[in-house]
Amino acid sequence: MKLNLDKNDITLLNKLLEISKKILKIYNNLYNLEINNQLNSLEYKKQLGYLTICKEIEDELYKQINYSKISDYIEYSDRANLFKDFSDYDLILDDFNDLLFAKRVYNRLHDLNTSRLVNIYQEELLNKTDEPPFDHSIYVTTSIHDDIENLLIYLTSNYNNRTYKDKLIKVKYLISYFNSRIELTNLNNLFINDKLFLQSKLTCDNLNFHDKSYKRLLRIYYLKYIKLHIKELDTINDELRNIILECLINSYSFLSQEKLDLDIKYNINEINSSNNIILLRCEKLVLNDEVNKKKMI
């Protein structure tokens, strides 16, 4: 299929790839500083400042995208059809360093497309008496993704393994790099007083999204992104890979409260009792019929 992109569009995409490479370099600097015990150093703060500036430049470039061509931008950014089958977890688990900067652009374009759909819905909502049809699961799925990613950062950061300590720290930087929505929070203050606060249930409450539907979306996420890797767990001689997969499965298990029957040596679900991970919920005041009747008098 022929893409509806002109020379200016291609030039813009190339600029996005270039700024993505520069941001990746900053991430590598941040990672090297942390593993060398300079997380609280002036140089680390300076690199975060560089990252903020580069992100501002990146944001301005994305504003130049013609939203009517967003699907073409996404397709062009994945001309080899790799990212349709590669999740962020594929790139975290395996050595695909040459693809990292392009995957950031691909993910960001998908986020823009989601934002475009939300904006269209909001505009229609303002201009019409009746609420236009809209799949609110977009919000919930995005929030589930962010929660699982943040859980994975939390678990790998706290995993008790000296041999792979540095490489487990790198997970935080890879996840942050792939997810522009949450990257600055992750690098600045993801864990408040060593506690992790999760948002997906709160999102459901605000949208009146039922727990049953939440579980369904969680299960879809599991089947699409996580289960694909489980068959490799404990079947290859790669301890680091197995540790990351264990943390990924535990991330899903915490949100779903589902005990997975897996024939592997690790203690899956053990984080369900953690007091440091807090799943935020709304407090809803439910009025009974008698109270409602009195209000109507």
C-alpha atoms as a PDB file:
ATOM      1  CA  MET A   1       0.000   0.000   0.000  1.00  0.00           C
ATOM      2  CA  LYS A   2       1.343   3.413  -0.988  1.00  0.00           C
ATOM      3  CA  LEU A   3       1.888   5.774   1.917  1.00  0.00           C
ATOM      4  CA  ASN A   4       0.550   9.318   1.787  1.00  0.00           C
ATOM      5  CA  LEU A   5       3.795  10.946   2.937  1.00  0.00           C
ATOM      6  CA  ASP A   6       5.649  13.717   1.146  1.00  0.00           C
ATOM      7  CA  LYS A   7       9.272  14.820   1.380  1.00  0.00           C
ATOM      8  CA  ASN A   8       8.583  17.071   4.375  1.00  0.00           C
ATOM      9  CA  ASP A   9       6.963  14.191   6.248  1.00  0.00           C
ATOM     10  CA  ILE A  10       9.979  11.958   5.686  1.00  0.00           C
ATOM     11  CA  THR A  11      12.328  14.745   6.773  1.00  0.00           C
ATOM     12  CA  LEU A  12      10.306  15.190   9.966  1.00  0.00           C
ATOM     13  CA  LEU A  13      10.407  11.470  10.712  1.00  0.00           C
ATOM     14  CA  ASN A  14      14.177  11.461  10.241  1.00  0.00           C
ATOM     15  CA  LYS A  15      14.438  14.369  12.708  1.00  0.00           C
ATOM     16  CA  LEU A  16      12.378  12.365  15.207  1.00  0.00           C
ATOM     17  CA  LEU A  17      14.731   9.417  14.829  1.00  0.00           C
ATOM     18  CA  GLU A  18      17.749  11.672  15.342  1.00  0.00           C
ATOM     19  CA  ILE A  19      16.406  13.262  18.523  1.00  0.00           C
ATOM     20  CA  SER A  20      15.495   9.773  19.728  1.00  0.00           C
ATOM     21  CA  LYS A  21      19.148   8.745  19.282  1.00  0.00           C
ATOM     22  CA  LYS A  22      20.318  11.762  21.271  1.00  0.00           C
ATOM     23  CA  ILE A  23      17.879  10.943  24.081  1.00  0.00           C
ATOM     24  CA  LEU A  24      19.113   7.340  24.103  1.00  0.00           C
ATOM     25  CA  LYS A  25      22.660   8.603  24.598  1.00  0.00           C
ATOM     26  CA  ILE A  26      21.519  10.581  27.641  1.00  0.00           C
ATOM     27  CA  TYR A  27      19.822   7.472  29.011  1.00  0.00           C
ATOM     28  CA  ASN A  28      23.061   5.536  28.665  1.00  0.00           C
ATOM     29  CA  ASN A  29      24.847   8.299  30.587  1.00  0.00           C
ATOM     30  CA  LEU A  30      22.222   8.187  33.357  1.00  0.00           C
ATOM     31  CA  TYR A  31      22.488   4.425  33.606  1.00  0.00           C
ATOM     32  CA  ASN A  32      26.301   4.473  33.804  1.00  0.00           C
ATOM     33  CA  LEU A  33      26.174   7.152  36.492  1.00  0.00           C
ATOM     34  CA  GLU A  34      23.735   5.129  38.607  1.00  0.00           C
ATOM     35  CA  ILE A  35      25.669   1.856  38.468  1.00  0.00           C
ATOM     36  CA  ASN A  36      28.768   3.828  39.482  1.00  0.00           C
ATOM     37  CA  ASN A  37      26.996   5.104  42.606  1.00  0.00           C
ATOM     38  CA  GLN A  38      26.429   8.631  41.259  1.00  0.00           C
ATOM     39  CA  LEU A  39      22.641   8.627  41.305  1.00  0.00           C
ATOM     40  CA  ASN A  40      22.593  11.664  43.612  1.00  0.00           C
ATOM     41  CA  SER A  41      25.466  13.445  41.918  1.00  0.00           C
ATOM     42  CA  LEU A  42      25.433  16.865  40.260  1.00  0.00           C
ATOM     43  CA  GLU A  43      26.296  15.194  36.948  1.00  0.00           C
ATOM     44  CA  TYR A  44      23.202  12.960  37.159  1.00  0.00           C
ATOM     45  CA  LYS A  45      20.999  16.032  37.713  1.00  0.00           C
ATOM     46  CA  LYS A  46      22.754  17.754  34.809  1.00  0.00           C
ATOM     47  CA  GLN A  47      21.989  14.808  32.522  1.00  0.00           C
ATOM     48  CA  LEU A  48      18.332  14.907  33.625  1.00  0.00           C
ATOM     49  CA  GLY A  49      18.343  18.584  32.647  1.00  0.00           C
ATOM     50  CA  TYR A  50      19.674  17.674  29.196  1.00  0.00           C
ATOM     51  CA  LEU A  51      16.953  15.046  28.923  1.00  0.00           C
ATOM     52  CA  THR A  52      14.250  17.597  29.750  1.00  0.00           C
ATOM     53  CA  ILE A  53      15.553  19.956  27.067  1.00  0.00           C
ATOM     54  CA  CYS A  54      15.723  17.181  24.459  1.00  0.00           C
ATOM     55  CA  LYS A  55      12.200  16.088  25.344  1.00  0.00           C
ATOM     56  CA  GLU A  56      10.960  19.644  24.827  1.00  0.00           C
ATOM     57  CA  ILE A  57      12.598  19.691  21.377  1.00  0.00           C
ATOM     58  CA  GLU A  58      11.089  16.271  20.666  1.00  0.00           C
ATOM     59  CA  ASP A  59       7.629  17.473  21.737  1.00  0.00           C
ATOM     60  CA  GLU A  60       7.854  20.441  19.367  1.00  0.00           C
ATOM     61  CA  LEU A  61       8.759  18.112  16.493  1.00  0.00           C
ATOM     62  CA  TYR A  62       5.782  15.861  17.198  1.00  0.00           C
ATOM     63  CA  LYS A  63       3.496  18.896  17.104  1.00  0.00           C
ATOM     64  CA  GLN A  64       4.450  19.306  13.441  1.00  0.00           C
ATOM     65  CA  ILE A  65       2.937  15.937  12.482  1.00  0.00           C
ATOM     66  CA  ASN A  66      -0.089  16.017  10.230  1.00  0.00           C
ATOM     67  CA  TYR A  67      -2.629  14.071  12.271  1.00  0.00           C
ATOM     68  CA  SER A  68      -4.543  13.027   9.174  1.00  0.00           C
ATOM     69  CA  LYS A  69      -1.445  11.047   8.171  1.00  0.00           C
ATOM     70  CA  ILE A  70      -0.709   9.492  11.562  1.00  0.00           C
ATOM     71  CA  SER A  71      -1.371   5.935  10.342  1.00  0.00           C
ATOM     72  CA  ASP A  72       1.096   6.452   7.507  1.00  0.00           C
ATOM     73  CA  TYR A  73       3.686   7.800   9.927  1.00  0.00           C
ATOM     74  CA  ILE A  74       3.261   4.689  12.090  1.00  0.00           C
ATOM     75  CA  GLU A  75       3.549   2.348   9.130  1.00  0.00           C
ATOM     76  CA  TYR A  76       6.615   4.136   7.770  1.00  0.00           C
ATOM     77  CA  SER A  77       8.321   4.014  11.179  1.00  0.00           C
ATOM     78  CA  ASP A  78       7.985   0.217  11.048  1.00  0.00           C
ATOM     79  CA  ARG A  79       8.826  -0.432   7.395  1.00  0.00           C
ATOM     80  CA  ALA A  80      10.405  -3.803   8.236  1.00  0.00           C
ATOM     81  CA  ASN A  81       7.239  -4.879  10.120  1.00  0.00           C
ATOM     82  CA  LEU A  82       9.289  -5.666  13.210  1.00  0.00           C
ATOM     83  CA  PHE A  83       7.455  -3.692  15.853  1.00  0.00           C
ATOM     84  CA  LYS A  84       4.058  -5.190  15.067  1.00  0.00           C
ATOM     85  CA  ASP A  85       5.415  -8.409  16.564  1.00  0.00           C
ATOM     86  CA  PHE A  86       8.005  -6.949  18.965  1.00  0.00           C
ATOM     87  CA  SER A  87       6.779  -5.670  22.303  1.00  0.00           C
ATOM     88  CA  ASP A  88       8.887  -3.515  24.618  1.00  0.00           C
ATOM     89  CA  TYR A  89       9.505  -6.708  26.551  1.00  0.00           C
ATOM     90  CA  ASP A  90      11.158  -8.334  23.535  1.00  0.00           C
ATOM     91  CA  LEU A  91      13.645  -5.484  23.424  1.00  0.00           C
ATOM     92  CA  ILE A  92      14.234  -5.587  27.178  1.00  0.00           C
ATOM     93  CA  LEU A  93      14.760  -9.347  27.264  1.00  0.00           C
ATOM     94  CA  ASP A  94      16.961  -9.602  24.182  1.00  0.00           C
ATOM     95  CA  ASP A  95      19.876  -7.684  22.737  1.00  0.00           C
ATOM     96  CA  PHE A  96      18.261  -5.459  20.094  1.00  0.00           C
ATOM     97  CA  ASN A  97      20.154  -2.238  20.808  1.00  0.00           C
ATOM     98  CA  ASP A  98      20.031  -1.136  17.174  1.00  0.00           C
ATOM     99  CA  LEU A  99      16.226  -0.954  17.360  1.00  0.00           C
ATOM    100  CA  LEU A 100      15.812   0.980  20.595  1.00  0.00           C
ATOM    101  CA  PHE A 101      15.690   4.519  19.181  1.00  0.00           C
ATOM    102  CA  ALA A 102      13.245   3.519  16.420  1.00  0.00           C
ATOM    103  CA  LYS A 103      10.943   1.751  18.903  1.00  0.00           C
ATOM    104  CA  ARG A 104      10.699   4.959  20.942  1.00  0.00           C
ATOM    105  CA  VAL A 105       9.436   6.804  17.855  1.00  0.00           C
ATOM    106  CA  TYR A 106       7.009   3.985  17.014  1.00  0.00           C
ATOM    107  CA  ASN A 107       5.586   3.980  20.553  1.00  0.00           C
ATOM    108  CA  ARG A 108       5.282   7.765  20.618  1.00  0.00           C
ATOM    109  CA  LEU A 109       3.396   7.780  17.314  1.00  0.00           C
ATOM    110  CA  HIS A 110       0.935   5.234  18.711  1.00  0.00           C
ATOM    111  CA  ASP A 111       0.439   7.435  21.785  1.00  0.00           C
ATOM    112  CA  LEU A 112      -0.269  10.388  19.495  1.00  0.00           C
ATOM    113  CA  ASN A 113      -2.829   8.361  17.594  1.00  0.00           C
ATOM    114  CA  THR A 114      -4.577   7.489  20.853  1.00  0.00           C
ATOM    115  CA  SER A 115      -4.529  11.167  21.858  1.00  0.00           C
ATOM    116  CA  ARG A 116      -6.034  12.053  18.492  1.00  0.00           C
ATOM    117  CA  LEU A 117      -8.945   9.651  19.057  1.00  0.00           C
ATOM    118  CA  VAL A 118      -9.511  11.079  22.524  1.00  0.00           C
ATOM    119  CA  ASN A 119      -9.479  14.657  21.179  1.00  0.00           C
ATOM    120  CA  ILE A 120     -12.016  13.776  18.478  1.00  0.00           C
ATOM    121  CA  TYR A 121     -14.270  12.252  21.122  1.00  0.00           C
ATOM    122  CA  GLN A 122     -13.969  15.314  23.374  1.00  0.00           C
ATOM    123  CA  GLU A 123     -14.756  17.698  20.516  1.00  0.00           C
ATOM    124  CA  GLU A 124     -17.817  15.677  19.536  1.00  0.00           C
ATOM    125  CA  LEU A 125     -18.896  15.626  23.157  1.00  0.00           C
ATOM    126  CA  LEU A 126     -18.792  19.413  23.305  1.00  0.00           C
ATOM    127  CA  ASN A 127     -20.696  19.872  20.043  1.00  0.00           C
ATOM    128  CA  LYS A 128     -23.454  17.311  20.536  1.00  0.00           C
ATOM    129  CA  THR A 129     -26.274  16.820  23.001  1.00  0.00           C
ATOM    130  CA  ASP A 130     -25.856  13.049  23.154  1.00  0.00           C
ATOM    131  CA  GLU A 131     -22.560  11.508  24.119  1.00  0.00           C
ATOM    132  CA  PRO A 132     -20.845  10.072  21.019  1.00  0.00           C
ATOM    133  CA  PRO A 133     -19.785   6.410  21.099  1.00  0.00           C
ATOM    134  CA  PHE A 134     -16.291   5.922  22.453  1.00  0.00           C
ATOM    135  CA  ASP A 135     -14.284   2.964  23.676  1.00  0.00           C
ATOM    136  CA  HIS A 136     -13.153   4.017  27.141  1.00  0.00           C
ATOM    137  CA  SER A 137     -11.045   0.884  27.368  1.00  0.00           C
ATOM    138  CA  ILE A 138      -8.335   2.938  25.607  1.00  0.00           C
ATOM    139  CA  TYR A 139      -7.798   4.839  28.862  1.00  0.00           C
ATOM    140  CA  VAL A 140      -7.855   1.692  30.998  1.00  0.00           C
ATOM    141  CA  THR A 141      -5.531  -0.297  28.734  1.00  0.00           C
ATOM    142  CA  THR A 142      -3.020   2.565  28.737  1.00  0.00           C
ATOM    143  CA  SER A 143      -3.193   2.765  32.520  1.00  0.00           C
ATOM    144  CA  ILE A 144      -2.761  -1.020  32.846  1.00  0.00           C
ATOM    145  CA  HIS A 145       0.315  -0.823  30.639  1.00  0.00           C
ATOM    146  CA  ASP A 146       1.827   1.944  32.767  1.00  0.00           C
ATOM    147  CA  ASP A 147       1.102   0.031  35.986  1.00  0.00           C
ATOM    148  CA  ILE A 148       2.708  -3.183  34.745  1.00  0.00           C
ATOM    149  CA  GLU A 149       5.740  -1.260  33.477  1.00  0.00           C
ATOM    150  CA  ASN A 150       6.130   0.527  36.809  1.00  0.00           C
ATOM    151  CA  LEU A 151       5.681  -2.727  38.704  1.00  0.00           C
ATOM    152  CA  LEU A 152       8.392  -4.290  36.567  1.00  0.00           C
ATOM    153  CA  ILE A 153      10.727  -1.392  37.399  1.00  0.00           C
ATOM    154  CA  TYR A 154       9.908  -1.754  41.095  1.00  0.00           C
ATOM    155  CA  LEU A 155      10.466  -5.507  41.184  1.00  0.00           C
ATOM    156  CA  THR A 156      13.671  -5.562  39.157  1.00  0.00           C
ATOM    157  CA  SER A 157      15.059  -2.621  41.163  1.00  0.00           C
ATOM    158  CA  ASN A 158      14.438  -4.513  44.409  1.00  0.00           C
ATOM    159  CA  TYR A 159      15.426  -7.979  43.221  1.00  0.00           C
ATOM    160  CA  ASN A 160      18.024  -9.509  45.527  1.00  0.00           C
ATOM    161  CA  ASN A 161      20.692 -10.611  43.066  1.00  0.00           C
ATOM    162  CA  ARG A 162      24.191  -9.178  43.216  1.00  0.00           C
ATOM    163  CA  THR A 163      25.373 -10.867  40.027  1.00  0.00           C
ATOM    164  CA  TYR A 164      22.868  -9.044  37.817  1.00  0.00           C
ATOM    165  CA  LYS A 165      22.280  -5.961  39.966  1.00  0.00           C
ATOM    166  CA  ASP A 166      23.519  -3.495  37.316  1.00  0.00           C
ATOM    167  CA  LYS A 167      21.673  -5.145  34.446  1.00  0.00           C
ATOM    168  CA  LEU A 168      18.444  -5.212  36.450  1.00  0.00           C
ATOM    169  CA  ILE A 169      18.829  -1.478  37.064  1.00  0.00           C
ATOM    170  CA  LYS A 170      18.970  -1.043  33.289  1.00  0.00           C
ATOM    171  CA  VAL A 171      15.349  -2.247  33.052  1.00  0.00           C
ATOM    172  CA  LYS A 172      14.230   1.046  34.603  1.00  0.00           C
ATOM    173  CA  TYR A 173      15.978   3.033  31.902  1.00  0.00           C
ATOM    174  CA  LEU A 174      14.726   0.898  29.024  1.00  0.00           C
ATOM    175  CA  ILE A 175      11.109   1.046  30.197  1.00  0.00           C
ATOM    176  CA  SER A 176      11.337   4.792  30.766  1.00  0.00           C
ATOM    177  CA  TYR A 177      12.897   5.318  27.341  1.00  0.00           C
ATOM    178  CA  PHE A 178      10.110   3.442  25.569  1.00  0.00           C
ATOM    179  CA  ASN A 179       7.314   5.227  27.448  1.00  0.00           C
ATOM    180  CA  SER A 180       7.399   9.002  27.132  1.00  0.00           C
ATOM    181  CA  ARG A 181       4.241   9.356  29.252  1.00  0.00           C
ATOM    182  CA  ILE A 182       5.946   8.120  32.391  1.00  0.00           C
ATOM    183  CA  GLU A 183       9.664   8.566  31.782  1.00  0.00           C
ATOM    184  CA  LEU A 184      10.385  11.729  33.788  1.00  0.00           C
ATOM    185  CA  THR A 185       8.335  10.447  36.731  1.00  0.00           C
ATOM    186  CA  ASN A 186      10.270   7.182  36.616  1.00  0.00           C
ATOM    187  CA  LEU A 187      13.645   8.904  36.591  1.00  0.00           C
ATOM    188  CA  ASN A 188      12.821  11.579  39.166  1.00  0.00           C
ATOM    189  CA  ASN A 189      10.463  10.166  41.777  1.00  0.00           C
ATOM    190  CA  LEU A 190       8.676   6.939  40.867  1.00  0.00           C
ATOM    191  CA  PHE A 191       8.838   5.493  44.377  1.00  0.00           C
ATOM    192  CA  ILE A 192       7.623   7.928  47.009  1.00  0.00           C
ATOM    193  CA  ASN A 193       9.166   6.887  50.337  1.00  0.00           C
ATOM    194  CA  ASP A 194       9.854   3.462  48.774  1.00  0.00           C
ATOM    195  CA  LYS A 195       6.159   3.012  47.976  1.00  0.00           C
ATOM    196  CA  LEU A 196       4.753   2.446  44.501  1.00  0.00           C
ATOM    197  CA  PHE A 197       1.314   3.896  43.723  1.00  0.00           C
ATOM    198  CA  LEU A 198      -0.632   2.317  40.842  1.00  0.00           C
ATOM    199  CA  GLN A 199      -3.353   4.116  38.886  1.00  0.00           C
ATOM    200  CA  SER A 200      -5.280   1.624  36.711  1.00  0.00           C
ATOM    201  CA  LYS A 201      -8.004   0.837  39.257  1.00  0.00           C
ATOM    202  CA  LEU A 202      -8.447   4.540  39.934  1.00  0.00           C
ATOM    203  CA  THR A 203      -8.889   5.109  36.202  1.00  0.00           C
ATOM    204  CA  CYS A 204     -11.604   2.450  36.148  1.00  0.00           C
ATOM    205  CA  ASP A 205     -13.399   4.042  39.077  1.00  0.00           C
ATOM    206  CA  ASN A 206     -13.384   7.460  37.429  1.00  0.00           C
ATOM    207  CA  LEU A 207     -14.805   5.992  34.212  1.00  0.00           C
ATOM    208  CA  ASN A 208     -17.338   3.730  35.979  1.00  0.00           C
ATOM    209  CA  PHE A 209     -15.501   0.827  34.425  1.00  0.00           C
ATOM    210  CA  HIS A 210     -16.538  -2.458  36.078  1.00  0.00           C
ATOM    211  CA  ASP A 211     -14.004  -4.760  37.700  1.00  0.00           C
ATOM    212  CA  LYS A 212     -15.081  -7.576  35.410  1.00  0.00           C
ATOM    213  CA  SER A 213     -14.198  -5.481  32.348  1.00  0.00           C
ATOM    214  CA  TYR A 214     -10.908  -4.506  33.984  1.00  0.00           C
ATOM    215  CA  LYS A 215     -10.051  -8.189  34.448  1.00  0.00           C
ATOM    216  CA  ARG A 216     -10.906  -8.845  30.814  1.00  0.00           C
ATOM    217  CA  LEU A 217      -8.525  -6.131  29.600  1.00  0.00           C
ATOM    218  CA  LEU A 218      -5.829  -7.407  31.936  1.00  0.00           C
ATOM    219  CA  ARG A 219      -6.238 -10.881  30.498  1.00  0.00           C
ATOM    220  CA  ILE A 220      -5.983  -9.543  26.938  1.00  0.00           C
ATOM    221  CA  TYR A 221      -2.789  -7.709  27.893  1.00  0.00           C
ATOM    222  CA  TYR A 222      -1.396 -10.894  29.413  1.00  0.00           C
ATOM    223  CA  LEU A 223      -2.153 -12.975  26.329  1.00  0.00           C
ATOM    224  CA  LYS A 224      -0.839 -10.351  23.917  1.00  0.00           C
ATOM    225  CA  TYR A 225       2.391  -9.358  25.631  1.00  0.00           C
ATOM    226  CA  ILE A 226       3.329 -11.561  28.582  1.00  0.00           C
ATOM    227  CA  LYS A 227       2.286 -15.144  27.897  1.00  0.00           C
ATOM    228  CA  LEU A 228       4.299 -15.142  24.671  1.00  0.00           C
ATOM    229  CA  HIS A 229       7.493 -15.129  26.735  1.00  0.00           C
ATOM    230  CA  ILE A 230       6.511 -17.542  29.500  1.00  0.00           C
ATOM    231  CA  LYS A 231       7.228 -20.684  27.464  1.00  0.00           C
ATOM    232  CA  GLU A 232      10.886 -19.659  27.496  1.00  0.00           C
ATOM    233  CA  LEU A 233      11.031 -19.198  31.253  1.00  0.00           C
ATOM    234  CA  ASP A 234      13.385 -21.686  32.931  1.00  0.00           C
ATOM    235  CA  THR A 235      13.957 -23.534  29.635  1.00  0.00           C
ATOM    236  CA  ILE A 236      17.119 -21.717  28.574  1.00  0.00           C
ATOM    237  CA  ASN A 237      20.324 -21.178  30.474  1.00  0.00           C
ATOM    238  CA  ASP A 238      19.898 -17.437  30.934  1.00  0.00           C
ATOM    239  CA  GLU A 239      19.334 -16.526  34.556  1.00  0.00           C
ATOM    240  CA  LEU A 240      18.987 -12.793  33.924  1.00  0.00           C
ATOM    241  CA  ARG A 241      16.244 -13.348  31.360  1.00  0.00           C
ATOM    242  CA  ASN A 242      14.404 -15.652  33.741  1.00  0.00           C
ATOM    243  CA  ILE A 243      14.616 -13.111  36.572  1.00  0.00           C
ATOM    244  CA  ILE A 244      13.104 -10.367  34.397  1.00  0.00           C
ATOM    245  CA  LEU A 245      10.347 -12.724  33.237  1.00  0.00           C
ATOM    246  CA  GLU A 246       9.623 -13.705  36.819  1.00  0.00           C
ATOM    247  CA  CYS A 247       9.222 -10.009  37.705  1.00  0.00           C
ATOM    248  CA  LEU A 248       7.019  -9.441  34.661  1.00  0.00           C
ATOM    249  CA  ILE A 249       4.726 -12.315  35.600  1.00  0.00           C
ATOM    250  CA  ASN A 250       4.578 -11.051  39.177  1.00  0.00           C
ATOM    251  CA  SER A 251       3.626  -7.608  37.860  1.00  0.00           C
ATOM    252  CA  TYR A 252       0.627  -9.066  36.061  1.00  0.00           C
ATOM    253  CA  SER A 253      -0.235 -11.292  39.010  1.00  0.00           C
ATOM    254  CA  PHE A 254      -0.358  -8.370  41.397  1.00  0.00           C
ATOM    255  CA  LEU A 255      -2.876  -6.468  39.290  1.00  0.00           C
ATOM    256  CA  SER A 256      -4.994  -9.485  38.419  1.00  0.00           C
ATOM    257  CA  GLN A 257      -4.729 -11.250  41.802  1.00  0.00           C
ATOM    258  CA  GLU A 258      -4.627 -14.370  39.661  1.00  0.00           C
ATOM    259  CA  LYS A 259      -2.514 -17.358  40.644  1.00  0.00           C
ATOM    260  CA  LEU A 260      -0.844 -18.624  37.485  1.00  0.00           C
ATOM    261  CA  ASP A 261      -0.286 -22.352  37.369  1.00  0.00           C
ATOM    262  CA  LEU A 262       3.204 -22.350  35.897  1.00  0.00           C
ATOM    263  CA  ASP A 263       5.642 -25.233  36.054  1.00  0.00           C
ATOM    264  CA  ILE A 264       8.683 -23.158  36.969  1.00  0.00           C
ATOM    265  CA  LYS A 265      11.005 -22.949  39.928  1.00  0.00           C
ATOM    266  CA  TYR A 266      10.170 -19.395  41.051  1.00  0.00           C
ATOM    267  CA  ASN A 267       7.649 -18.361  43.708  1.00  0.00           C
ATOM    268  CA  ILE A 268       5.167 -16.493  41.550  1.00  0.00           C
ATOM    269  CA  ASN A 269       2.602 -14.227  43.305  1.00  0.00           C
ATOM    270  CA  GLU A 270       4.732 -13.655  46.380  1.00  0.00           C
ATOM    271  CA  ILE A 271       4.470  -9.875  45.942  1.00  0.00           C
ATOM    272  CA  ASN A 272       0.699  -9.917  46.466  1.00  0.00           C
ATOM    273  CA  SER A 273       1.294  -9.363  50.169  1.00  0.00           C
ATOM    274  CA  SER A 274       3.647  -6.434  49.684  1.00  0.00           C
ATOM    275  CA  ASN A 275       2.781  -3.397  51.800  1.00  0.00           C
ATOM    276  CA  ASN A 276       4.863  -1.105  49.616  1.00  0.00           C
ATOM    277  CA  ILE A 277       2.690  -1.420  46.489  1.00  0.00           C
ATOM    278  CA  ILE A 278      -0.559   0.512  46.676  1.00  0.00           C
ATOM    279  CA  LEU A 279      -3.389   0.108  44.176  1.00  0.00           C
ATOM    280  CA  LEU A 280      -5.282   3.413  44.286  1.00  0.00           C
ATOM    281  CA  ARG A 281      -9.103   3.409  44.273  1.00  0.00           C
ATOM    282  CA  CYS A 282     -11.841   6.014  44.512  1.00  0.00           C
ATOM    283  CA  GLU A 283     -13.966   6.214  47.625  1.00  0.00           C
ATOM    284  CA  LYS A 284     -17.542   6.259  46.376  1.00  0.00           C
ATOM    285  CA  LEU A 285     -20.473   7.395  48.490  1.00  0.00           C
ATOM    286  CA  VAL A 286     -23.484   5.240  47.631  1.00  0.00           C
ATOM    287  CA  LEU A 287     -26.807   6.758  48.746  1.00  0.00           C
ATOM    288  CA  ASN A 288     -29.696   4.438  49.540  1.00  0.00           C
ATOM    289  CA  ASP A 289     -33.235   4.974  48.270  1.00  0.00           C
ATOM    290  CA  GLU A 290     -34.459   6.612  51.463  1.00  0.00           C
ATOM    291  CA  VAL A 291     -31.776   9.296  51.311  1.00  0.00           C
ATOM    292  CA  ASN A 292     -32.571   9.941  47.637  1.00  0.00           C
ATOM    293  CA  LYS A 293     -36.255  10.296  48.409  1.00  0.00           C
ATOM    294  CA  LYS A 294     -35.586  12.879  51.134  1.00  0.00           C
ATOM    295  CA  LYS A 295     -33.451  14.906  48.756  1.00  0.00           C
ATOM    296  CA  MET A 296     -36.273  15.017  46.227  1.00  0.00           C
ATOM    297  CA  ILE A 297     -38.799  16.425  48.749  1.00  0.00           C
END
